[in-house]
Structure formats: structure tokens, C-alpha cells
């Protein structure tokens, strides 16, 4: 007797690659949110020092971004229950605060 599949959806997951991100920016328009995951690394040679920035943008609709927020909140709460509160060291917080964009008049994403 042939096997019946109780799952009406046959799904195949394909993972292209993992990325490392040490910075991000978020913007939105009325229809979508844009999360730009950045990887910023210094590159130093004998003459110059530069920062290499690689961007990976994830575009999500408002419902999906809300679900992401709920998932992140739940996971952070579980992490902190297990490993302790995540705290930003004072010197890093001071650096981050001094490099924040104060206000963006109009948020648009052009790709």
C-alpha cells in the first residue's frame, strides 16, 4: 500500500549561506520594512586603513516584521533567563549614542 502524506505541503529548505552581521539599519515605507544587515570589518595595509562594509538586505511586510519582533523578544527573554541579562558596556553605549543618526526626515529605500 503506498504511503500517504498527511502534510499537504511538500517543502524543501535550501540554505544559500550564513552571514555574520555586526551592525544593522532599519527603515520602512507604508508597505514594507527593510533590514540592512551589515558586516563591517577593518582592512589595514601598509599605506591605508579602510573599513569594508557588506550589506545583506531583508525586506519584510508589516505582519512578518511584527512576528519577527515577537520571536526575538521571546528568544532574548529565554536567553537572559538561562545566561543572565544582556548589558551593553558603558564605553560601547557611549560610542553608539554618539554615532546615532538623530532624526531622519524622510525614510525611503531605493535598493
C-alpha atoms as a PDB file:
ATOM      1  CA  UNK A   1       0.000   0.000   0.000  1.00  0.00           C
ATOM      2  CA  UNK A   2       1.501   3.398  -0.953  1.00  0.00           C
ATOM      3  CA  UNK A   3       2.305   5.814   1.842  1.00  0.00           C
ATOM      4  CA  UNK A   4       0.012   8.800   2.156  1.00  0.00           C
ATOM      5  CA  UNK A   5       1.469  12.153   3.001  1.00  0.00           C
ATOM      6  CA  UNK A   6      -0.540  13.834   5.767  1.00  0.00           C
ATOM      7  CA  UNK A   7       1.263  17.096   5.074  1.00  0.00           C
ATOM      8  CA  UNK A   8      -0.335  18.768   2.043  1.00  0.00           C
ATOM      9  CA  UNK A   9       2.722  20.976   1.540  1.00  0.00           C
ATOM     10  CA  UNK A  10       5.960  19.399   0.439  1.00  0.00           C
ATOM     11  CA  UNK A  11       8.703  21.764   1.471  1.00  0.00           C
ATOM     12  CA  UNK A  12      12.368  21.670   0.615  1.00  0.00           C
ATOM     13  CA  UNK A  13      14.628  24.056   2.514  1.00  0.00           C
ATOM     14  CA  UNK A  14      17.655  25.462   0.776  1.00  0.00           C
ATOM     15  CA  UNK A  15      20.182  27.461   2.758  1.00  0.00           C
ATOM     16  CA  UNK A  16      22.328  29.559   0.477  1.00  0.00           C
ATOM     17  CA  UNK A  17      24.813  30.758   3.080  1.00  0.00           C
ATOM     18  CA  UNK A  18      25.075  32.068   6.584  1.00  0.00           C
ATOM     19  CA  UNK A  19      26.095  35.668   7.149  1.00  0.00           C
ATOM     20  CA  UNK A  20      27.686  37.392  10.100  1.00  0.00           C
ATOM     21  CA  UNK A  21      26.369  40.832  10.983  1.00  0.00           C
ATOM     22  CA  UNK A  22      27.851  43.279  13.463  1.00  0.00           C
ATOM     23  CA  UNK A  23      25.660  46.254  12.533  1.00  0.00           C
ATOM     24  CA  UNK A  24      22.274  46.932  11.030  1.00  0.00           C
ATOM     25  CA  UNK A  25      19.875  49.648   9.978  1.00  0.00           C
ATOM     26  CA  UNK A  26      16.112  49.540   9.631  1.00  0.00           C
ATOM     27  CA  UNK A  27      13.801  51.691   7.563  1.00  0.00           C
ATOM     28  CA  UNK A  28      10.310  51.343   6.156  1.00  0.00           C
ATOM     29  CA  UNK A  29       7.724  52.637   3.757  1.00  0.00           C
ATOM     30  CA  UNK A  30       3.943  52.182   4.093  1.00  0.00           C
ATOM     31  CA  UNK A  31       4.142  48.630   2.707  1.00  0.00           C
ATOM     32  CA  UNK A  32       7.458  47.056   3.783  1.00  0.00           C
ATOM     33  CA  UNK A  33      10.288  47.098   6.300  1.00  0.00           C
ATOM     34  CA  UNK A  34      13.903  46.967   5.156  1.00  0.00           C
ATOM     35  CA  UNK A  35      16.507  45.479   7.485  1.00  0.00           C
ATOM     36  CA  UNK A  36      20.025  46.056   6.227  1.00  0.00           C
ATOM     37  CA  UNK A  37      22.330  43.591   7.982  1.00  0.00           C
ATOM     38  CA  UNK A  38      25.876  44.921   7.682  1.00  0.00           C
ATOM     39  CA  UNK A  39      29.246  43.311   8.161  1.00  0.00           C
ATOM     40  CA  UNK A  40      31.858  45.970   8.829  1.00  0.00           C
ATOM     41  CA  UNK A  41      35.474  44.898   9.123  1.00  0.00           C
ATOM     42  CA  UNK A  42      38.674  46.930   9.139  1.00  0.00           C
ATOM     43  CA  UNK A  43      41.251  46.211   6.491  1.00  0.00           C
ATOM     44  CA  UNK A  44      44.722  47.582   7.027  1.00  0.00           C
ATOM     45  CA  UNK A  45      47.625  47.502   4.628  1.00  0.00           C
ATOM     46  CA  UNK A  46      50.938  49.343   4.735  1.00  0.00           C
ATOM     47  CA  UNK A  47      49.508  52.602   3.401  1.00  0.00           C
ATOM     48  CA  UNK A  48      45.869  52.966   4.404  1.00  0.00           C
ATOM     49  CA  UNK A  49      43.193  51.794   6.787  1.00  0.00           C
ATOM     50  CA  UNK A  50      39.708  51.298   5.441  1.00  0.00           C
ATOM     51  CA  UNK A  51      36.510  49.646   6.548  1.00  0.00           C
ATOM     52  CA  UNK A  52      34.896  47.105   4.272  1.00  0.00           C
ATOM     53  CA  UNK A  53      31.103  47.045   4.521  1.00  0.00           C
ATOM     54  CA  UNK A  54      28.988  44.249   3.115  1.00  0.00           C
ATOM     55  CA  UNK A  55      25.205  44.639   3.069  1.00  0.00           C
ATOM     56  CA  UNK A  56      22.502  41.977   3.094  1.00  0.00           C
ATOM     57  CA  UNK A  57      19.010  43.444   2.944  1.00  0.00           C
ATOM     58  CA  UNK A  58      15.919  41.591   4.151  1.00  0.00           C
ATOM     59  CA  UNK A  59      12.569  43.028   3.068  1.00  0.00           C
ATOM     60  CA  UNK A  60       9.518  42.071   5.139  1.00  0.00           C
ATOM     61  CA  UNK A  61       5.848  43.015   5.233  1.00  0.00           C
ATOM     62  CA  UNK A  62       4.450  44.600   8.442  1.00  0.00           C
ATOM     63  CA  UNK A  63       2.840  41.358   9.690  1.00  0.00           C
ATOM     64  CA  UNK A  64       6.056  39.371   9.213  1.00  0.00           C
ATOM     65  CA  UNK A  65       8.153  42.051  10.938  1.00  0.00           C
ATOM     66  CA  UNK A  66       5.760  42.023  13.907  1.00  0.00           C
ATOM     67  CA  UNK A  67       6.147  38.228  14.131  1.00  0.00           C
ATOM     68  CA  UNK A  68       9.933  38.666  13.971  1.00  0.00           C
ATOM     69  CA  UNK A  69       9.742  41.129  16.869  1.00  0.00           C
ATOM     70  CA  UNK A  70       7.694  38.662  18.935  1.00  0.00           C
ATOM     71  CA  UNK A  71      10.130  35.845  18.125  1.00  0.00           C
ATOM     72  CA  UNK A  72      13.173  37.939  19.002  1.00  0.00           C
ATOM     73  CA  UNK A  73      11.591  39.123  22.262  1.00  0.00           C
ATOM     74  CA  UNK A  74      10.767  35.566  23.290  1.00  0.00           C
ATOM     75  CA  UNK A  75      14.245  34.293  22.431  1.00  0.00           C
ATOM     76  CA  UNK A  76      16.006  37.161  24.222  1.00  0.00           C
ATOM     77  CA  UNK A  77      13.885  36.532  27.339  1.00  0.00           C
ATOM     78  CA  UNK A  78      14.781  32.823  27.253  1.00  0.00           C
ATOM     79  CA  UNK A  79      18.476  33.627  26.701  1.00  0.00           C
ATOM     80  CA  UNK A  80      18.549  36.043  29.645  1.00  0.00           C
ATOM     81  CA  UNK A  81      16.788  33.527  31.916  1.00  0.00           C
ATOM     82  CA  UNK A  82      19.482  30.982  31.062  1.00  0.00           C
ATOM     83  CA  UNK A  83      22.636  33.094  30.759  1.00  0.00           C
ATOM     84  CA  UNK A  84      21.878  36.388  32.515  1.00  0.00           C
ATOM     85  CA  UNK A  85      20.909  39.864  31.397  1.00  0.00           C
ATOM     86  CA  UNK A  86      22.465  41.168  28.192  1.00  0.00           C
ATOM     87  CA  UNK A  87      24.024  44.517  29.018  1.00  0.00           C
ATOM     88  CA  UNK A  88      25.860  46.916  26.751  1.00  0.00           C
ATOM     89  CA  UNK A  89      29.138  48.032  28.383  1.00  0.00           C
ATOM     90  CA  UNK A  90      29.172  51.759  29.240  1.00  0.00           C
ATOM     91  CA  UNK A  91      32.018  52.627  26.870  1.00  0.00           C
ATOM     92  CA  UNK A  92      30.277  50.902  23.954  1.00  0.00           C
ATOM     93  CA  UNK A  93      26.930  52.514  24.819  1.00  0.00           C
ATOM     94  CA  UNK A  94      28.623  55.940  24.853  1.00  0.00           C
ATOM     95  CA  UNK A  95      30.178  55.230  21.440  1.00  0.00           C
ATOM     96  CA  UNK A  96      26.869  54.011  19.991  1.00  0.00           C
ATOM     97  CA  UNK A  97      24.961  57.010  21.366  1.00  0.00           C
ATOM     98  CA  UNK A  98      27.457  59.444  19.842  1.00  0.00           C
ATOM     99  CA  UNK A  99      27.156  57.801  16.392  1.00  0.00           C
ATOM    100  CA  UNK A 100      23.368  57.568  16.144  1.00  0.00           C
ATOM    101  CA  UNK A 101      21.551  59.462  13.428  1.00  0.00           C
ATOM    102  CA  UNK A 102      19.476  61.995  15.322  1.00  0.00           C
ATOM    103  CA  UNK A 103      16.418  62.071  13.068  1.00  0.00           C
ATOM    104  CA  UNK A 104      15.592  61.008   9.562  1.00  0.00           C
ATOM    105  CA  UNK A 105      13.221  63.415   7.826  1.00  0.00           C
ATOM    106  CA  UNK A 106      12.039  61.059   5.121  1.00  0.00           C
ATOM    107  CA  UNK A 107      12.693  57.339   5.066  1.00  0.00           C
ATOM    108  CA  UNK A 108      12.956  55.796   1.653  1.00  0.00           C
ATOM    109  CA  UNK A 109      14.719  52.774   0.299  1.00  0.00           C
ATOM    110  CA  UNK A 110      15.977  52.700  -3.263  1.00  0.00           C
ATOM    111  CA  UNK A 111      17.945  49.453  -3.202  1.00  0.00           C
END
